[in-house]
């Protein structure tokens, strides 16, 4: 029998997963066809995953781990794969997020990714021109994996400021918006999360005008310079240049000063959620 091709591409979490899957399958004495039959997936998919040509889903991974008696090996590797599906320019920010001791952000258009519900996030990702269902699922999985930093034992404080328009923007329709705003209210009750809303009237006095140029996030960590991620029409960019960071920090303070206090912000979110319920 001719040797099966090795995983394609340079060393990466995906090629590591592919090699481990093949090793475990060989160890179990199964062919690709036999494994595919036992996990109820196609032989072609098993082959593509083993060649690092396709990212496995969590369901695929769990089934392989169970059938191959891997004792959780594949399941523990799988979260690393989500990093590889992210746009290359965004990956440095994911590393920064994981190490941050404090996160501060402003978003004038959408609920930030760290606080999005799966349905809200999926609606946004499906709007990308030409995106496939598979790609949507990969990006959604990566986004939800990022959110785990807020649920770990020692989560970073997250202070986020939203424009009121975010609450009224009907991403996905009334049901999705209702659930998203409910999720914001639940998040705001956690000690490490503060959510403030800039009301419509704030722009009359000019206090929030500084935020109209776009969204951003600021990450602070002990022993290192602050870093910022600035949104753009593509994927944004990351910088720790002191001049750029200082400018973004000033902009953050400007929009935060125009925002309602956290309690009043929660009341406004609840009010708009009720309006979505009646739609």
Protein backbone atom coordinates (compact mmCIF):
# COMPACT_ATOMS: atom_id res chain seq x y z
CA UNK A 1 0.00 0.00 0.00
CA UNK A 2 1.55 3.38 -0.97
CA UNK A 3 2.38 5.77 1.85
CA UNK A 4 -0.24 8.40 2.55
CA UNK A 5 0.83 12.01 1.90
CA UNK A 6 2.09 13.99 4.84
CA UNK A 7 0.21 17.13 5.97
CA UNK A 8 0.62 20.02 3.57
CA UNK A 9 2.15 23.35 4.52
CA UNK A 10 4.49 24.65 7.19
CA UNK A 11 4.29 23.74 10.87
CA UNK A 12 1.11 25.14 12.42
CA UNK A 13 -1.59 24.07 14.88
CA UNK A 14 -3.49 22.56 11.96
CA UNK A 15 -0.53 20.49 10.70
CA UNK A 16 0.08 19.35 14.30
CA UNK A 17 -3.56 18.30 14.62
CA UNK A 18 -3.34 16.51 11.26
CA UNK A 19 -0.24 14.58 12.31
CA UNK A 20 -1.78 13.59 15.64
CA UNK A 21 -4.99 12.45 13.98
CA UNK A 22 -3.06 10.29 11.55
CA UNK A 23 -0.84 8.88 14.33
CA UNK A 24 -3.86 7.97 16.47
CA UNK A 25 -5.69 6.44 13.52
CA UNK A 26 -2.67 4.31 12.59
CA UNK A 27 -2.28 3.33 16.24
CA UNK A 28 -5.91 2.19 16.28
CA UNK A 29 -5.35 0.13 13.11
CA UNK A 30 -8.01 1.97 11.13
CA UNK A 31 -7.92 3.12 7.54
CA UNK A 32 -9.29 6.53 6.61
CA UNK A 33 -12.36 4.81 5.21
CA UNK A 34 -12.95 2.88 8.43
CA UNK A 35 -12.53 5.97 10.60
CA UNK A 36 -14.86 7.93 8.35
CA UNK A 37 -17.49 5.22 8.64
CA UNK A 38 -17.27 5.12 12.45
CA UNK A 39 -17.54 8.89 12.91
CA UNK A 40 -20.21 9.29 10.18
CA UNK A 41 -18.17 11.73 8.09
CA UNK A 42 -16.85 11.33 4.55
CA UNK A 43 -13.52 9.70 3.73
CA UNK A 44 -12.67 12.79 1.72
CA UNK A 45 -13.03 15.01 4.78
CA UNK A 46 -10.86 12.70 6.91
CA UNK A 47 -8.22 12.80 4.16
CA UNK A 48 -8.33 16.60 3.89
CA UNK A 49 -8.03 17.05 7.66
CA UNK A 50 -5.08 14.64 7.79
CA UNK A 51 -3.40 16.66 5.05
CA UNK A 52 -4.10 19.93 6.89
CA UNK A 53 -6.27 21.08 4.02
CA UNK A 54 -9.43 21.50 6.09
CA UNK A 55 -10.12 22.70 9.62
CA UNK A 56 -12.07 20.09 11.59
CA UNK A 57 -15.25 21.05 13.38
CA UNK A 58 -15.56 20.47 17.11
CA UNK A 59 -18.07 17.68 16.42
CA UNK A 60 -15.63 15.96 14.03
CA UNK A 61 -12.87 16.31 16.63
CA UNK A 62 -14.97 14.92 19.47
CA UNK A 63 -16.04 11.92 17.40
CA UNK A 64 -12.47 11.15 16.34
CA UNK A 65 -11.23 11.51 19.90
CA UNK A 66 -13.87 9.07 21.13
CA UNK A 67 -13.45 6.46 18.38
CA UNK A 68 -9.64 6.57 18.58
CA UNK A 69 -9.56 6.42 22.41
CA UNK A 70 -7.45 9.59 22.40
CA UNK A 71 -8.34 10.52 26.00
CA UNK A 72 -8.99 14.15 25.06
CA UNK A 73 -5.75 14.72 23.11
CA UNK A 74 -7.49 15.96 19.96
CA UNK A 75 -10.04 17.97 21.94
CA UNK A 76 -7.23 19.80 23.76
CA UNK A 77 -5.49 20.64 20.48
CA UNK A 78 -8.66 21.83 18.76
CA UNK A 79 -8.92 25.31 20.40
CA UNK A 80 -5.52 26.20 18.93
CA UNK A 81 -6.93 25.70 15.44
CA UNK A 82 -9.27 28.66 15.82
CA UNK A 83 -6.24 30.97 15.85
CA UNK A 84 -5.28 29.85 12.36
CA UNK A 85 -8.63 30.75 10.78
CA UNK A 86 -8.38 34.39 11.85
CA UNK A 87 -7.14 37.00 9.37
CA UNK A 88 -3.33 37.23 9.77
CA UNK A 89 -3.43 40.92 10.68
CA UNK A 90 -5.83 40.21 13.54
CA UNK A 91 -3.89 37.34 15.12
CA UNK A 92 -1.46 39.56 17.07
CA UNK A 93 -4.44 41.20 18.77
CA UNK A 94 -5.80 37.83 19.92
CA UNK A 95 -2.45 37.15 21.62
CA UNK A 96 -2.57 40.59 23.24
CA UNK A 97 -6.16 40.01 24.45
CA UNK A 98 -5.15 36.78 26.14
CA UNK A 99 -2.34 38.48 28.06
CA UNK A 100 -4.16 41.72 28.87
CA UNK A 101 -4.86 42.73 32.46
CA UNK A 102 -7.37 45.38 31.35
CA UNK A 103 -9.37 45.92 28.17
CA UNK A 104 -11.08 49.18 27.25
CA UNK A 105 -13.06 49.75 24.08
CA UNK A 106 -15.46 51.85 22.07
CA UNK A 107 -17.79 50.74 19.30
CA UNK A 108 -20.11 53.11 17.43
CA UNK A 109 -21.61 50.47 15.13
CA UNK A 110 -21.83 46.97 16.59
CA UNK A 111 -21.65 45.05 19.85
CA UNK A 112 -17.95 44.16 20.24
CA UNK A 113 -16.94 40.60 19.43
CA UNK A 114 -16.16 39.70 23.05
CA UNK A 115 -19.80 40.34 23.99
CA UNK A 116 -21.65 39.06 20.92
CA UNK A 117 -24.14 36.20 21.11
CA UNK A 118 -23.62 33.36 18.61
CA UNK A 119 -26.65 34.39 16.51
CA UNK A 120 -25.64 38.06 16.43
CA UNK A 121 -22.07 37.14 15.48
CA UNK A 122 -23.21 34.68 12.82
CA UNK A 123 -25.43 37.33 11.21
CA UNK A 124 -22.47 39.69 10.93
CA UNK A 125 -20.12 37.04 9.56
CA UNK A 126 -22.66 35.86 6.98
CA UNK A 127 -22.75 39.36 5.53
CA UNK A 128 -19.14 39.14 4.32
CA UNK A 129 -19.24 39.10 0.47
CA UNK A 130 -18.67 35.64 -0.97
CA UNK A 131 -18.26 33.91 2.40
CA UNK A 132 -19.06 30.20 2.56
CA UNK A 133 -21.07 28.48 5.31
CA UNK A 134 -17.93 26.60 6.32
CA UNK A 135 -15.93 29.82 6.64
CA UNK A 136 -18.71 31.41 8.70
CA UNK A 137 -18.62 28.48 11.11
CA UNK A 138 -14.82 28.66 11.41
CA UNK A 139 -14.87 32.39 12.15
CA UNK A 140 -17.79 32.03 14.55
CA UNK A 141 -15.97 29.31 16.46
CA UNK A 142 -12.87 31.50 16.68
CA UNK A 143 -14.91 34.45 17.95
CA UNK A 144 -16.62 32.40 20.64
CA UNK A 145 -13.27 30.94 21.66
CA UNK A 146 -11.93 34.48 22.20
CA UNK A 147 -14.78 35.18 24.60
CA UNK A 148 -13.45 32.55 27.03
CA UNK A 149 -10.93 35.05 28.41
CA UNK A 150 -13.85 36.76 30.19
CA UNK A 151 -14.88 33.54 31.93
CA UNK A 152 -11.51 32.28 33.13
CA UNK A 153 -10.55 32.22 36.81
CA UNK A 154 -8.83 35.62 36.71
CA UNK A 155 -10.51 37.49 33.84
CA UNK A 156 -9.35 40.92 32.72
CA UNK A 157 -11.66 43.84 33.50
CA UNK A 158 -13.52 44.86 30.36
CA UNK A 159 -14.73 48.45 30.14
CA UNK A 160 -16.65 48.99 26.92
CA UNK A 161 -18.54 52.00 25.65
CA UNK A 162 -21.23 51.67 22.97
CA UNK A 163 -23.10 54.19 20.90
CA UNK A 164 -26.86 54.07 21.50
CA UNK A 165 -27.33 53.36 17.81
CA UNK A 166 -25.83 49.91 18.39
CA UNK A 167 -28.87 49.04 20.51
CA UNK A 168 -31.31 50.09 17.78
CA UNK A 169 -29.44 48.64 14.79
CA UNK A 170 -31.47 45.57 13.81
CA UNK A 171 -28.76 43.02 13.22
CA UNK A 172 -30.57 39.80 12.35
CA UNK A 173 -34.02 41.01 13.38
CA UNK A 174 -35.97 41.54 16.61
CA UNK A 175 -35.39 38.12 18.18
CA UNK A 176 -31.63 38.23 17.73
CA UNK A 177 -31.49 41.82 18.99
CA UNK A 178 -33.61 41.01 22.03
CA UNK A 179 -31.33 38.13 22.95
CA UNK A 180 -28.21 40.21 22.31
CA UNK A 181 -29.36 43.04 24.56
CA UNK A 182 -30.36 40.53 27.23
CA UNK A 183 -26.84 39.11 27.01
CA UNK A 184 -25.39 42.61 27.46
CA UNK A 185 -27.47 43.09 30.59
CA UNK A 186 -26.30 39.75 31.96
CA UNK A 187 -22.68 40.60 31.16
CA UNK A 188 -22.97 44.00 32.85
CA UNK A 189 -23.83 42.27 36.13
CA UNK A 190 -20.43 40.58 36.23
CA UNK A 191 -17.81 42.28 38.38
CA UNK A 192 -15.19 42.36 35.64
CA UNK A 193 -17.42 43.93 32.96
CA UNK A 194 -18.62 47.52 32.67
CA UNK A 195 -20.86 48.60 29.81
CA UNK A 196 -21.70 52.26 29.20
CA UNK A 197 -23.81 53.78 26.45
CA UNK A 198 -23.35 57.13 24.77
CA UNK A 199 -26.91 58.47 24.31
CA UNK A 200 -28.05 60.18 21.13
CA UNK A 201 -28.17 63.58 22.81
CA UNK A 202 -24.46 63.50 23.67
CA UNK A 203 -23.54 64.51 20.13
CA UNK A 204 -25.37 67.80 20.46
CA UNK A 205 -22.80 68.99 22.97
CA UNK A 206 -19.91 67.53 20.99
CA UNK A 207 -18.61 65.30 23.76
CA UNK A 208 -18.83 62.10 21.76
CA UNK A 209 -17.80 63.40 18.35
CA UNK A 210 -14.29 62.00 18.88
CA UNK A 211 -15.71 58.50 18.57
CA UNK A 212 -17.27 58.90 15.15
CA UNK A 213 -14.01 58.07 13.37
CA UNK A 214 -14.38 54.38 14.28
CA UNK A 215 -14.16 51.74 16.95
CA UNK A 216 -11.08 50.64 18.86
CA UNK A 217 -9.84 48.61 21.82
CA UNK A 218 -7.02 49.32 24.26
CA UNK A 219 -5.19 46.48 26.03
CA UNK A 220 -3.05 47.08 29.10
CA UNK A 221 -0.70 44.51 30.64
CA UNK A 222 1.77 44.74 33.48
CA UNK A 223 5.35 45.21 32.39
CA UNK A 224 4.60 46.12 28.78
CA UNK A 225 3.37 49.01 26.68
CA UNK A 226 -0.34 49.45 26.05
CA UNK A 227 -1.52 48.22 22.66
CA UNK A 228 -4.49 49.30 20.59
CA UNK A 229 -6.58 47.69 17.90
CA UNK A 230 -8.22 50.19 15.58
CA UNK A 231 -11.17 49.09 13.44
CA UNK A 232 -11.15 49.61 9.69
CA UNK A 233 -13.20 48.56 6.69
CA UNK A 234 -10.95 45.50 6.36
CA UNK A 235 -9.66 43.90 9.57
CA UNK A 236 -8.16 46.86 11.40
CA UNK A 237 -4.62 47.19 12.64
CA UNK A 238 -2.65 46.76 15.85
CA UNK A 239 -0.06 49.15 17.21
CA UNK A 240 1.81 49.88 20.42
CA UNK A 241 3.46 53.08 19.19
CA UNK A 242 3.24 55.50 22.15
CA UNK A 243 1.95 58.36 20.01
CA UNK A 244 -0.85 56.26 18.50
CA UNK A 245 -1.78 54.70 21.84
CA UNK A 246 -1.91 58.12 23.53
CA UNK A 247 -4.21 59.45 20.79
CA UNK A 248 -6.59 56.50 21.13
CA UNK A 249 -6.59 56.76 24.94
CA UNK A 250 -7.57 60.45 24.68
CA UNK A 251 -10.36 59.52 22.30
CA UNK A 252 -11.56 56.82 24.68
CA UNK A 253 -11.72 59.24 27.60
CA UNK A 254 -13.65 61.71 25.43
CA UNK A 255 -16.37 59.21 24.49
CA UNK A 256 -16.49 57.71 27.98
CA UNK A 257 -17.03 61.15 29.49
CA UNK A 258 -20.08 61.54 27.24
CA UNK A 259 -21.52 58.14 28.20
CA UNK A 260 -24.21 57.42 30.74
CA UNK A 261 -23.13 55.81 34.03
CA UNK A 262 -23.20 52.02 34.05
CA UNK A 263 -26.53 51.77 35.92
CA UNK A 264 -28.27 54.28 33.65
CA UNK A 265 -26.75 52.51 30.64
CA UNK A 266 -28.24 49.21 31.82
CA UNK A 267 -31.63 50.89 32.18
CA UNK A 268 -31.39 52.20 28.61
CA UNK A 269 -30.39 48.76 27.29
CA UNK A 270 -33.37 47.22 29.11
CA UNK A 271 -35.70 49.86 27.67
CA UNK A 272 -34.55 49.23 24.10
CA UNK A 273 -34.74 45.47 24.66
CA UNK A 274 -38.40 45.89 25.61
CA UNK A 275 -38.95 47.82 22.39
CA UNK A 276 -37.46 44.92 20.40
CA UNK A 277 -39.76 42.51 22.23
CA UNK A 278 -42.75 44.53 21.05
CA UNK A 279 -41.59 44.66 17.43
